[in-house]
Amino acid sequence: MTAISDREPQPWQDQLFEVLKGADIRQVGYVPDAGHSRLIARCKADPDIRDVVLTTEEEGIALSAGAWLGGQRSALLMQSSGVGNCINMLSLIRACRFPMLMLVTMRGEWEEFNPWQVPMGSIVEPALKLCDTHVAKVEQPEQVVPAVQNALQLAFGDDRSAAVLLSQKLIGRKVWVK
């Protein structure tokens, strides 16, 4: 028999999924992204969560507003480049005081190989803050759960927008495959 203390800790992505489940997140919108692949797979496999593949990230803002109006909580998963697509739609969240939870995998940072990712990656945090979004950035696995729990409280407790930026150091270096 294995003692509880001898068990391997869950990967941060699985811990994150459990936090979302515990917060009764019922809809998850996303544009497919390698950084979110494990979380997306967990959401797709769960019959209590409706996973919605988006054609563009700003659709996720409307999805979240509609979910809230329909009595459900949602989360939007996206890559940092998608934040730029959401700026105008975030006015809906601010003006109507809808809760909004965004989990953003960062690009354009540590060991980025694609120069096209750098401009948006470098302004995600200030752009979201200008849209009245609370922003937390995490770089270590042990920071994920507390940051997401806080973002959930801010979003659904205060009816506001909250984003957790998942650093490239956390999700790992992207590798160009030819």
N, C-alpha and C. Protein backbone atom coordinates (compact mmCIF):
# COMPACT_ATOMS: atom_id res chain seq x y z
N MET A 1 0.84 -1.17 0.00
CA MET A 1 0.00 0.00 0.00
C MET A 1 0.90 1.24 0.00
N THR A 2 0.50 2.23 -0.81
CA THR A 2 1.27 3.46 -0.92
C THR A 2 0.68 4.50 0.02
N ALA A 3 1.53 5.12 0.79
CA ALA A 3 1.09 6.20 1.66
C ALA A 3 0.75 7.42 0.83
N ILE A 4 -0.18 8.23 1.31
CA ILE A 4 -0.60 9.41 0.58
C ILE A 4 0.59 10.31 0.27
N SER A 5 1.52 10.44 1.18
CA SER A 5 2.66 11.32 0.97
C SER A 5 3.62 10.78 -0.09
N ASP A 6 3.50 9.48 -0.44
CA ASP A 6 4.37 8.90 -1.46
C ASP A 6 3.82 9.05 -2.87
N ARG A 7 2.60 9.52 -3.01
CA ARG A 7 2.00 9.69 -4.33
C ARG A 7 2.63 10.86 -5.06
N GLU A 8 2.72 10.69 -6.35
CA GLU A 8 3.18 11.80 -7.19
C GLU A 8 2.11 12.88 -7.21
N PRO A 9 2.49 14.13 -7.09
CA PRO A 9 1.47 15.18 -7.20
C PRO A 9 0.90 15.21 -8.62
N GLN A 10 -0.35 15.62 -8.73
CA GLN A 10 -0.97 15.74 -10.04
C GLN A 10 -0.25 16.82 -10.85
N PRO A 11 -0.17 16.64 -12.17
CA PRO A 11 0.34 17.75 -13.00
C PRO A 11 -0.53 18.99 -12.80
N TRP A 12 0.07 20.15 -12.95
CA TRP A 12 -0.66 21.40 -12.70
C TRP A 12 -1.90 21.51 -13.57
N GLN A 13 -1.85 20.96 -14.79
CA GLN A 13 -3.02 21.04 -15.68
C GLN A 13 -4.20 20.28 -15.08
N ASP A 14 -3.93 19.12 -14.46
CA ASP A 14 -5.00 18.34 -13.83
C ASP A 14 -5.51 19.03 -12.58
N GLN A 15 -4.61 19.66 -11.84
CA GLN A 15 -5.04 20.43 -10.66
C GLN A 15 -5.93 21.59 -11.10
N LEU A 16 -5.54 22.23 -12.19
CA LEU A 16 -6.33 23.34 -12.74
C LEU A 16 -7.72 22.85 -13.14
N PHE A 17 -7.80 21.71 -13.80
CA PHE A 17 -9.09 21.14 -14.18
C PHE A 17 -9.96 20.91 -12.94
N GLU A 18 -9.37 20.36 -11.90
CA GLU A 18 -10.13 20.10 -10.67
C GLU A 18 -10.64 21.39 -10.04
N VAL A 19 -9.86 22.45 -10.10
CA VAL A 19 -10.29 23.75 -9.59
C VAL A 19 -11.49 24.26 -10.40
N LEU A 20 -11.43 24.13 -11.72
CA LEU A 20 -12.54 24.57 -12.56
C LEU A 20 -13.79 23.75 -12.27
N LYS A 21 -13.64 22.44 -12.12
CA LYS A 21 -14.78 21.58 -11.78
C LYS A 21 -15.37 21.99 -10.43
N GLY A 22 -14.51 22.22 -9.46
CA GLY A 22 -14.96 22.61 -8.12
C GLY A 22 -15.68 23.95 -8.11
N ALA A 23 -15.37 24.80 -9.08
CA ALA A 23 -16.01 26.11 -9.19
C ALA A 23 -17.26 26.06 -10.07
N ASP A 24 -17.65 24.87 -10.48
CA ASP A 24 -18.84 24.64 -11.30
C ASP A 24 -18.77 25.33 -12.66
N ILE A 25 -17.59 25.32 -13.27
CA ILE A 25 -17.46 25.80 -14.65
C ILE A 25 -18.14 24.77 -15.54
N ARG A 26 -19.14 25.20 -16.30
CA ARG A 26 -19.94 24.29 -17.11
C ARG A 26 -19.71 24.44 -18.61
N GLN A 27 -19.08 25.56 -19.02
CA GLN A 27 -18.78 25.77 -20.43
C GLN A 27 -17.35 26.28 -20.54
N VAL A 28 -16.63 25.74 -21.52
CA VAL A 28 -15.26 26.15 -21.78
C VAL A 28 -15.13 26.43 -23.27
N GLY A 29 -14.81 27.68 -23.59
CA GLY A 29 -14.57 28.06 -24.98
C GLY A 29 -13.08 28.14 -25.23
N TYR A 30 -12.67 27.75 -26.44
CA TYR A 30 -11.24 27.78 -26.74
C TYR A 30 -10.99 27.74 -28.24
N VAL A 31 -9.89 28.33 -28.63
CA VAL A 31 -9.29 28.12 -29.94
C VAL A 31 -8.18 27.10 -29.66
N PRO A 32 -8.14 25.98 -30.39
CA PRO A 32 -7.16 24.95 -30.07
C PRO A 32 -5.74 25.51 -29.90
N ASP A 33 -5.07 25.04 -28.86
CA ASP A 33 -3.75 25.55 -28.49
C ASP A 33 -2.99 24.43 -27.78
N ALA A 34 -1.76 24.21 -28.19
CA ALA A 34 -0.93 23.16 -27.59
C ALA A 34 -0.73 23.39 -26.09
N GLY A 35 -0.60 24.63 -25.67
CA GLY A 35 -0.39 24.93 -24.25
C GLY A 35 -1.58 24.55 -23.38
N HIS A 36 -2.75 24.52 -23.96
CA HIS A 36 -3.97 24.15 -23.23
C HIS A 36 -4.43 22.72 -23.56
N SER A 37 -3.65 21.96 -24.32
CA SER A 37 -4.14 20.68 -24.85
C SER A 37 -4.59 19.71 -23.77
N ARG A 38 -3.85 19.60 -22.69
CA ARG A 38 -4.25 18.66 -21.62
C ARG A 38 -5.54 19.10 -20.95
N LEU A 39 -5.67 20.41 -20.67
CA LEU A 39 -6.89 20.93 -20.06
C LEU A 39 -8.07 20.78 -21.00
N ILE A 40 -7.87 21.06 -22.28
CA ILE A 40 -8.94 20.90 -23.26
C ILE A 40 -9.39 19.44 -23.32
N ALA A 41 -8.46 18.52 -23.33
CA ALA A 41 -8.80 17.09 -23.37
C ALA A 41 -9.62 16.68 -22.15
N ARG A 42 -9.25 17.19 -20.98
CA ARG A 42 -9.99 16.88 -19.75
C ARG A 42 -11.41 17.45 -19.84
N CYS A 43 -11.55 18.66 -20.35
CA CYS A 43 -12.87 19.27 -20.49
C CYS A 43 -13.73 18.51 -21.50
N LYS A 44 -13.14 18.13 -22.61
CA LYS A 44 -13.87 17.38 -23.64
C LYS A 44 -14.36 16.03 -23.10
N ALA A 45 -13.58 15.42 -22.24
CA ALA A 45 -13.93 14.10 -21.70
C ALA A 45 -14.96 14.15 -20.58
N ASP A 46 -15.24 15.33 -20.06
CA ASP A 46 -16.15 15.45 -18.94
C ASP A 46 -17.57 15.75 -19.44
N PRO A 47 -18.52 14.87 -19.14
CA PRO A 47 -19.89 15.08 -19.64
C PRO A 47 -20.60 16.28 -19.01
N ASP A 48 -20.08 16.81 -17.91
CA ASP A 48 -20.70 17.96 -17.26
C ASP A 48 -20.20 19.29 -17.79
N ILE A 49 -19.19 19.25 -18.67
CA ILE A 49 -18.64 20.48 -19.23
C ILE A 49 -18.89 20.49 -20.73
N ARG A 50 -19.44 21.58 -21.20
CA ARG A 50 -19.64 21.75 -22.64
C ARG A 50 -18.41 22.45 -23.19
N ASP A 51 -17.67 21.75 -24.04
CA ASP A 51 -16.50 22.38 -24.65
C ASP A 51 -16.92 22.95 -26.01
N VAL A 52 -16.50 24.17 -26.26
CA VAL A 52 -16.91 24.86 -27.47
C VAL A 52 -15.66 25.33 -28.21
N VAL A 53 -15.44 24.77 -29.39
CA VAL A 53 -14.33 25.20 -30.23
C VAL A 53 -14.73 26.49 -30.92
N LEU A 54 -13.93 27.51 -30.76
CA LEU A 54 -14.22 28.83 -31.31
C LEU A 54 -13.44 29.04 -32.61
N THR A 55 -13.97 29.86 -33.50
CA THR A 55 -13.21 30.21 -34.69
C THR A 55 -12.27 31.38 -34.41
N THR A 56 -12.62 32.19 -33.42
CA THR A 56 -11.78 33.29 -33.00
C THR A 56 -12.08 33.60 -31.53
N GLU A 57 -11.11 34.12 -30.83
CA GLU A 57 -11.21 34.26 -29.38
C GLU A 57 -12.32 35.19 -28.92
N GLU A 58 -12.62 36.23 -29.68
CA GLU A 58 -13.65 37.16 -29.22
C GLU A 58 -15.02 36.49 -29.13
N GLU A 59 -15.23 35.40 -29.87
CA GLU A 59 -16.47 34.63 -29.71
C GLU A 59 -16.59 34.10 -28.29
N GLY A 60 -15.46 33.86 -27.65
CA GLY A 60 -15.46 33.35 -26.28
C GLY A 60 -16.00 34.37 -25.28
N ILE A 61 -15.85 35.65 -25.59
CA ILE A 61 -16.41 36.69 -24.72
C ILE A 61 -17.93 36.59 -24.75
N ALA A 62 -18.50 36.48 -25.96
CA ALA A 62 -19.95 36.35 -26.10
C ALA A 62 -20.43 35.04 -25.49
N LEU A 63 -19.67 33.97 -25.67
CA LEU A 63 -20.02 32.68 -25.07
C LEU A 63 -20.12 32.81 -23.55
N SER A 64 -19.15 33.47 -22.95
CA SER A 64 -19.14 33.64 -21.49
C SER A 64 -20.33 34.48 -21.02
N ALA A 65 -20.62 35.55 -21.75
CA ALA A 65 -21.77 36.39 -21.39
C ALA A 65 -23.06 35.59 -21.51
N GLY A 66 -23.21 34.84 -22.58
CA GLY A 66 -24.41 34.03 -22.77
C GLY A 66 -24.53 32.93 -21.73
N ALA A 67 -23.42 32.31 -21.39
CA ALA A 67 -23.44 31.28 -20.35
C ALA A 67 -23.94 31.87 -19.04
N TRP A 68 -23.42 33.04 -18.68
CA TRP A 68 -23.83 33.68 -17.43
C TRP A 68 -25.31 34.03 -17.45
N LEU A 69 -25.78 34.58 -18.56
CA LEU A 69 -27.20 34.92 -18.67
C LEU A 69 -28.07 33.67 -18.59
N GLY A 70 -27.52 32.54 -19.03
CA GLY A 70 -28.24 31.26 -18.96
C GLY A 70 -28.05 30.52 -17.65
N GLY A 71 -27.35 31.13 -16.70
CA GLY A 71 -27.20 30.53 -15.38
C GLY A 71 -26.02 29.61 -15.21
N GLN A 72 -25.04 29.69 -16.11
CA GLN A 72 -23.86 28.84 -16.00
C GLN A 72 -22.58 29.68 -15.95
N ARG A 73 -21.58 29.06 -15.38
CA ARG A 73 -20.24 29.66 -15.34
C ARG A 73 -19.42 29.10 -16.50
N SER A 74 -18.52 29.95 -17.00
CA SER A 74 -17.68 29.52 -18.12
C SER A 74 -16.25 30.00 -17.93
N ALA A 75 -15.38 29.49 -18.77
CA ALA A 75 -13.99 29.92 -18.84
C ALA A 75 -13.60 30.01 -20.30
N LEU A 76 -12.70 30.93 -20.60
CA LEU A 76 -12.17 31.09 -21.95
C LEU A 76 -10.69 30.76 -21.92
N LEU A 77 -10.29 29.79 -22.74
CA LEU A 77 -8.89 29.39 -22.86
C LEU A 77 -8.36 29.96 -24.17
N MET A 78 -7.22 30.62 -24.10
CA MET A 78 -6.65 31.17 -25.33
C MET A 78 -5.15 31.38 -25.19
N GLN A 79 -4.54 31.62 -26.32
CA GLN A 79 -3.13 31.96 -26.38
C GLN A 79 -3.02 33.48 -26.34
N SER A 80 -1.88 33.98 -25.93
CA SER A 80 -1.70 35.42 -25.79
C SER A 80 -2.01 36.20 -27.07
N SER A 81 -1.73 35.64 -28.22
CA SER A 81 -2.03 36.34 -29.47
C SER A 81 -3.52 36.58 -29.63
N GLY A 82 -4.35 35.73 -29.03
CA GLY A 82 -5.79 35.88 -29.11
C GLY A 82 -6.33 37.02 -28.26
N VAL A 83 -5.57 37.47 -27.28
CA VAL A 83 -6.03 38.58 -26.45
C VAL A 83 -6.28 39.81 -27.31
N GLY A 84 -5.42 40.03 -28.28
CA GLY A 84 -5.61 41.18 -29.17
C GLY A 84 -6.93 41.14 -29.90
N ASN A 85 -7.43 39.94 -30.18
CA ASN A 85 -8.72 39.81 -30.86
C ASN A 85 -9.89 40.15 -29.94
N CYS A 86 -9.67 40.16 -28.64
CA CYS A 86 -10.75 40.33 -27.65
C CYS A 86 -10.93 41.74 -27.13
N ILE A 87 -10.02 42.63 -27.43
CA ILE A 87 -10.01 43.94 -26.78
C ILE A 87 -11.35 44.65 -26.90
N ASN A 88 -11.90 44.76 -28.09
CA ASN A 88 -13.16 45.47 -28.26
C ASN A 88 -14.31 44.76 -27.55
N MET A 89 -14.36 43.43 -27.62
CA MET A 89 -15.44 42.68 -26.98
C MET A 89 -15.38 42.74 -25.46
N LEU A 90 -14.20 42.98 -24.90
CA LEU A 90 -14.12 43.08 -23.44
C LEU A 90 -14.91 44.27 -22.90
N SER A 91 -15.26 45.21 -23.78
CA SER A 91 -16.12 46.31 -23.34
C SER A 91 -17.49 45.79 -22.91
N LEU A 92 -17.96 44.70 -23.51
CA LEU A 92 -19.22 44.07 -23.13
C LEU A 92 -19.16 43.60 -21.68
N ILE A 93 -18.06 42.96 -21.32
CA ILE A 93 -17.87 42.45 -19.97
C ILE A 93 -17.84 43.61 -18.97
N ARG A 94 -17.10 44.62 -19.31
CA ARG A 94 -16.96 45.77 -18.41
C ARG A 94 -18.27 46.52 -18.24
N ALA A 95 -18.94 46.85 -19.35
CA ALA A 95 -20.16 47.65 -19.30
C ALA A 95 -21.30 46.90 -18.62
N CYS A 96 -21.41 45.60 -18.86
CA CYS A 96 -22.52 44.81 -18.32
C CYS A 96 -22.17 44.10 -17.02
N ARG A 97 -20.92 44.20 -16.60
CA ARG A 97 -20.44 43.55 -15.37
C ARG A 97 -20.72 42.05 -15.37
N PHE A 98 -20.40 41.42 -16.50
CA PHE A 98 -20.47 39.96 -16.57
C PHE A 98 -19.18 39.39 -15.98
N PRO A 99 -19.26 38.27 -15.30
CA PRO A 99 -18.02 37.63 -14.86
C PRO A 99 -17.30 37.02 -16.07
N MET A 100 -15.98 37.12 -16.07
CA MET A 100 -15.19 36.61 -17.19
C MET A 100 -13.91 36.01 -16.63
N LEU A 101 -13.69 34.73 -16.88
CA LEU A 101 -12.46 34.06 -16.49
C LEU A 101 -11.70 33.67 -17.75
N MET A 102 -10.48 34.19 -17.88
CA MET A 102 -9.62 33.86 -19.02
C MET A 102 -8.35 33.18 -18.52
N LEU A 103 -8.00 32.10 -19.18
CA LEU A 103 -6.74 31.41 -18.93
C LEU A 103 -5.93 31.53 -20.21
N VAL A 104 -4.81 32.22 -20.12
CA VAL A 104 -4.05 32.62 -21.30
C VAL A 104 -2.67 31.99 -21.29
N THR A 105 -2.38 31.15 -22.29
CA THR A 105 -1.03 30.62 -22.44
C THR A 105 -0.20 31.67 -23.18
N MET A 106 0.94 31.99 -22.62
CA MET A 106 1.75 33.07 -23.15
C MET A 106 2.68 32.60 -24.27
N ARG A 107 2.84 33.48 -25.24
CA ARG A 107 3.84 33.35 -26.30
C ARG A 107 4.59 34.68 -26.34
N GLY A 108 5.70 34.68 -27.04
CA GLY A 108 6.47 35.91 -27.18
C GLY A 108 7.37 36.21 -26.01
N GLU A 109 7.59 35.24 -25.16
CA GLU A 109 8.43 35.43 -23.97
C GLU A 109 9.67 34.55 -24.08
N TRP A 110 9.99 33.95 -22.98
CA TRP A 110 11.13 33.07 -22.79
C TRP A 110 11.30 32.08 -23.96
N GLU A 111 12.43 32.15 -24.61
CA GLU A 111 12.83 31.25 -25.70
C GLU A 111 11.83 31.15 -26.84
N GLU A 112 11.15 32.24 -27.13
CA GLU A 112 10.21 32.26 -28.26
C GLU A 112 10.98 32.17 -29.57
N PHE A 113 10.56 31.28 -30.45
CA PHE A 113 11.22 31.12 -31.75
C PHE A 113 10.53 31.92 -32.85
N ASN A 114 9.29 32.31 -32.62
CA ASN A 114 8.49 32.97 -33.65
C ASN A 114 8.40 34.47 -33.37
N PRO A 115 9.08 35.30 -34.15
CA PRO A 115 9.07 36.74 -33.89
C PRO A 115 7.69 37.37 -34.00
N TRP A 116 6.77 36.74 -34.71
CA TRP A 116 5.43 37.28 -34.85
C TRP A 116 4.65 37.22 -33.53
N GLN A 117 5.08 36.39 -32.60
CA GLN A 117 4.39 36.26 -31.32
C GLN A 117 4.84 37.32 -30.30
N VAL A 118 5.99 37.93 -30.54
CA VAL A 118 6.58 38.84 -29.55
C VAL A 118 5.76 40.12 -29.32
N PRO A 119 5.31 40.83 -30.36
CA PRO A 119 4.60 42.09 -30.09
C PRO A 119 3.38 41.93 -29.18
N MET A 120 2.48 41.02 -29.50
CA MET A 120 1.29 40.85 -28.66
C MET A 120 1.66 40.26 -27.31
N GLY A 121 2.58 39.30 -27.31
CA GLY A 121 3.00 38.70 -26.04
C GLY A 121 3.55 39.73 -25.07
N SER A 122 4.18 40.76 -25.59
CA SER A 122 4.78 41.77 -24.72
C SER A 122 3.78 42.76 -24.15
N ILE A 123 2.55 42.82 -24.72
CA ILE A 123 1.58 43.81 -24.23
C ILE A 123 0.30 43.19 -23.68
N VAL A 124 0.25 41.88 -23.54
CA VAL A 124 -0.97 41.23 -23.03
C VAL A 124 -1.38 41.80 -21.68
N GLU A 125 -0.45 41.82 -20.73
CA GLU A 125 -0.80 42.26 -19.39
C GLU A 125 -1.29 43.71 -19.36
N PRO A 126 -0.55 44.67 -19.92
CA PRO A 126 -1.07 46.04 -19.88
C PRO A 126 -2.36 46.22 -20.68
N ALA A 127 -2.52 45.50 -21.79
CA ALA A 127 -3.75 45.62 -22.58
C ALA A 127 -4.95 45.13 -21.78
N LEU A 128 -4.81 44.00 -21.11
CA LEU A 128 -5.92 43.49 -20.29
C LEU A 128 -6.22 44.42 -19.12
N LYS A 129 -5.18 44.96 -18.51
CA LYS A 129 -5.41 45.89 -17.39
C LYS A 129 -6.14 47.15 -17.86
N LEU A 130 -5.82 47.63 -19.06
CA LEU A 130 -6.53 48.78 -19.60
C LEU A 130 -8.01 48.47 -19.85
N CYS A 131 -8.33 47.20 -20.02
CA CYS A 131 -9.72 46.76 -20.20
C CYS A 131 -10.38 46.41 -18.87
N ASP A 132 -9.77 46.86 -17.77
CA ASP A 132 -10.30 46.65 -16.42
C ASP A 132 -10.35 45.17 -16.04
N THR A 133 -9.35 44.43 -16.48
CA THR A 133 -9.23 43.00 -16.15
C THR A 133 -8.16 42.84 -15.09
N HIS A 134 -8.48 42.09 -14.05
CA HIS A 134 -7.46 41.72 -13.06
C HIS A 134 -6.55 40.68 -13.72
N VAL A 135 -5.25 40.85 -13.59
CA VAL A 135 -4.29 39.96 -14.25
C VAL A 135 -3.32 39.39 -13.22
N ALA A 136 -3.15 38.07 -13.29
CA ALA A 136 -2.13 37.37 -12.49
C ALA A 136 -1.28 36.55 -13.45
N LYS A 137 0.02 36.60 -13.27
CA LYS A 137 0.92 35.82 -14.12
C LYS A 137 1.59 34.75 -13.28
N VAL A 138 1.60 33.53 -13.80
CA VAL A 138 2.23 32.43 -13.07
C VAL A 138 3.35 31.82 -13.91
N GLU A 139 4.44 31.49 -13.23
CA GLU A 139 5.59 30.89 -13.89
C GLU A 139 5.95 29.53 -13.32
N GLN A 140 5.39 29.20 -12.14
CA GLN A 140 5.71 27.95 -11.46
C GLN A 140 4.44 27.13 -11.25
N PRO A 141 4.53 25.80 -11.34
CA PRO A 141 3.34 24.96 -11.18
C PRO A 141 2.58 25.20 -9.88
N GLU A 142 3.29 25.45 -8.79
CA GLU A 142 2.61 25.64 -7.51
C GLU A 142 1.85 26.96 -7.42
N GLN A 143 2.04 27.85 -8.38
CA GLN A 143 1.34 29.14 -8.40
C GLN A 143 0.00 29.06 -9.13
N VAL A 144 -0.21 28.00 -9.92
CA VAL A 144 -1.39 27.92 -10.79
C VAL A 144 -2.68 27.89 -9.98
N VAL A 145 -2.82 26.93 -9.08
CA VAL A 145 -4.08 26.77 -8.35
C VAL A 145 -4.44 28.03 -7.55
N PRO A 146 -3.54 28.59 -6.75
CA PRO A 146 -3.93 29.81 -6.01
C PRO A 146 -4.32 30.97 -6.94
N ALA A 147 -3.60 31.12 -8.04
CA ALA A 147 -3.91 32.21 -8.97
C ALA A 147 -5.29 32.02 -9.60
N VAL A 148 -5.61 30.79 -9.99
CA VAL A 148 -6.91 30.53 -10.62
C VAL A 148 -8.02 30.63 -9.59
N GLN A 149 -7.79 30.16 -8.38
CA GLN A 149 -8.80 30.30 -7.33
C GLN A 149 -9.10 31.77 -7.07
N ASN A 150 -8.09 32.60 -7.02
CA ASN A 150 -8.28 34.03 -6.83
C ASN A 150 -9.03 34.64 -8.02
N ALA A 151 -8.65 34.26 -9.23
CA ALA A 151 -9.32 34.78 -10.42
C ALA A 151 -10.80 34.37 -10.45
N LEU A 152 -11.09 33.15 -10.03
CA LEU A 152 -12.48 32.70 -9.95
C LEU A 152 -13.27 33.55 -8.97
N GLN A 153 -12.67 33.84 -7.82
CA GLN A 153 -13.35 34.68 -6.82
C GLN A 153 -13.59 36.09 -7.36
N LEU A 154 -12.61 36.65 -8.01
CA LEU A 154 -12.77 37.99 -8.57
C LEU A 154 -13.83 38.00 -9.66
N ALA A 155 -13.79 37.01 -10.55
CA ALA A 155 -14.74 36.98 -11.67
C ALA A 155 -16.17 36.75 -11.18
N PHE A 156 -16.37 35.68 -10.43
CA PHE A 156 -17.73 35.29 -10.07
C PHE A 156 -18.20 35.89 -8.75
N GLY A 157 -17.28 36.37 -7.93
CA GLY A 157 -17.67 37.03 -6.69
C GLY A 157 -17.87 38.51 -6.87
N ASP A 158 -17.15 39.11 -7.80
CA ASP A 158 -17.22 40.56 -8.01
C ASP A 158 -17.79 40.95 -9.37
N ASP A 159 -18.22 39.96 -10.17
CA ASP A 159 -18.75 40.22 -11.52
C ASP A 159 -17.81 41.09 -12.33
N ARG A 160 -16.61 40.57 -12.53
CA ARG A 160 -15.61 41.32 -13.29
C ARG A 160 -14.78 40.36 -14.12
N SER A 161 -13.86 40.91 -14.84
CA SER A 161 -12.98 40.14 -15.70
C SER A 161 -11.67 39.84 -14.97
N ALA A 162 -11.24 38.59 -15.06
CA ALA A 162 -9.98 38.18 -14.45
C ALA A 162 -9.25 37.23 -15.41
N ALA A 163 -7.96 37.41 -15.50
CA ALA A 163 -7.15 36.57 -16.39
C ALA A 163 -5.95 36.03 -15.64
N VAL A 164 -5.62 34.78 -15.92
CA VAL A 164 -4.39 34.17 -15.42
C VAL A 164 -3.52 33.90 -16.63
N LEU A 165 -2.34 34.51 -16.62
CA LEU A 165 -1.38 34.34 -17.71
C LEU A 165 -0.44 33.20 -17.34
N LEU A 166 -0.45 32.16 -18.16
CA LEU A 166 0.39 30.98 -17.93
C LEU A 166 1.66 31.14 -18.75
N SER A 167 2.74 31.46 -18.08
CA SER A 167 4.02 31.79 -18.71
C SER A 167 4.55 30.66 -19.58
N GLN A 168 5.34 31.03 -20.59
CA GLN A 168 6.01 30.03 -21.41
C GLN A 168 6.94 29.17 -20.57
N LYS A 169 7.47 29.71 -19.50
CA LYS A 169 8.32 28.91 -18.61
C LYS A 169 7.51 27.78 -17.98
N LEU A 170 6.24 28.03 -17.75
CA LEU A 170 5.36 27.02 -17.15
C LEU A 170 4.92 25.99 -18.18
N ILE A 171 4.49 26.44 -19.34
CA ILE A 171 3.95 25.51 -20.34
C ILE A 171 5.03 24.84 -21.17
N GLY A 172 6.23 25.40 -21.15
CA GLY A 172 7.33 24.80 -21.90
C GLY A 172 7.62 25.51 -23.21
N ARG A 173 8.81 25.33 -23.65
CA ARG A 173 9.28 25.96 -24.88
C ARG A 173 8.61 25.32 -26.08
N LYS A 174 8.11 26.14 -27.00
CA LYS A 174 7.56 25.64 -28.25
C LYS A 174 8.72 25.34 -29.19
N VAL A 175 8.58 24.28 -29.94
CA VAL A 175 9.64 23.86 -30.86
C VAL A 175 9.09 23.90 -32.27
N TRP A 176 9.82 24.53 -33.15
CA TRP A 176 9.44 24.60 -34.56
C TRP A 176 9.74 23.25 -35.21
N VAL A 177 8.72 22.65 -35.82
CA VAL A 177 8.87 21.37 -36.49
C VAL A 177 8.74 21.59 -37.99
N LYS A 178 9.75 21.16 -38.72
CA LYS A 178 9.73 21.33 -40.18
C LYS A 178 9.21 20.08 -40.86
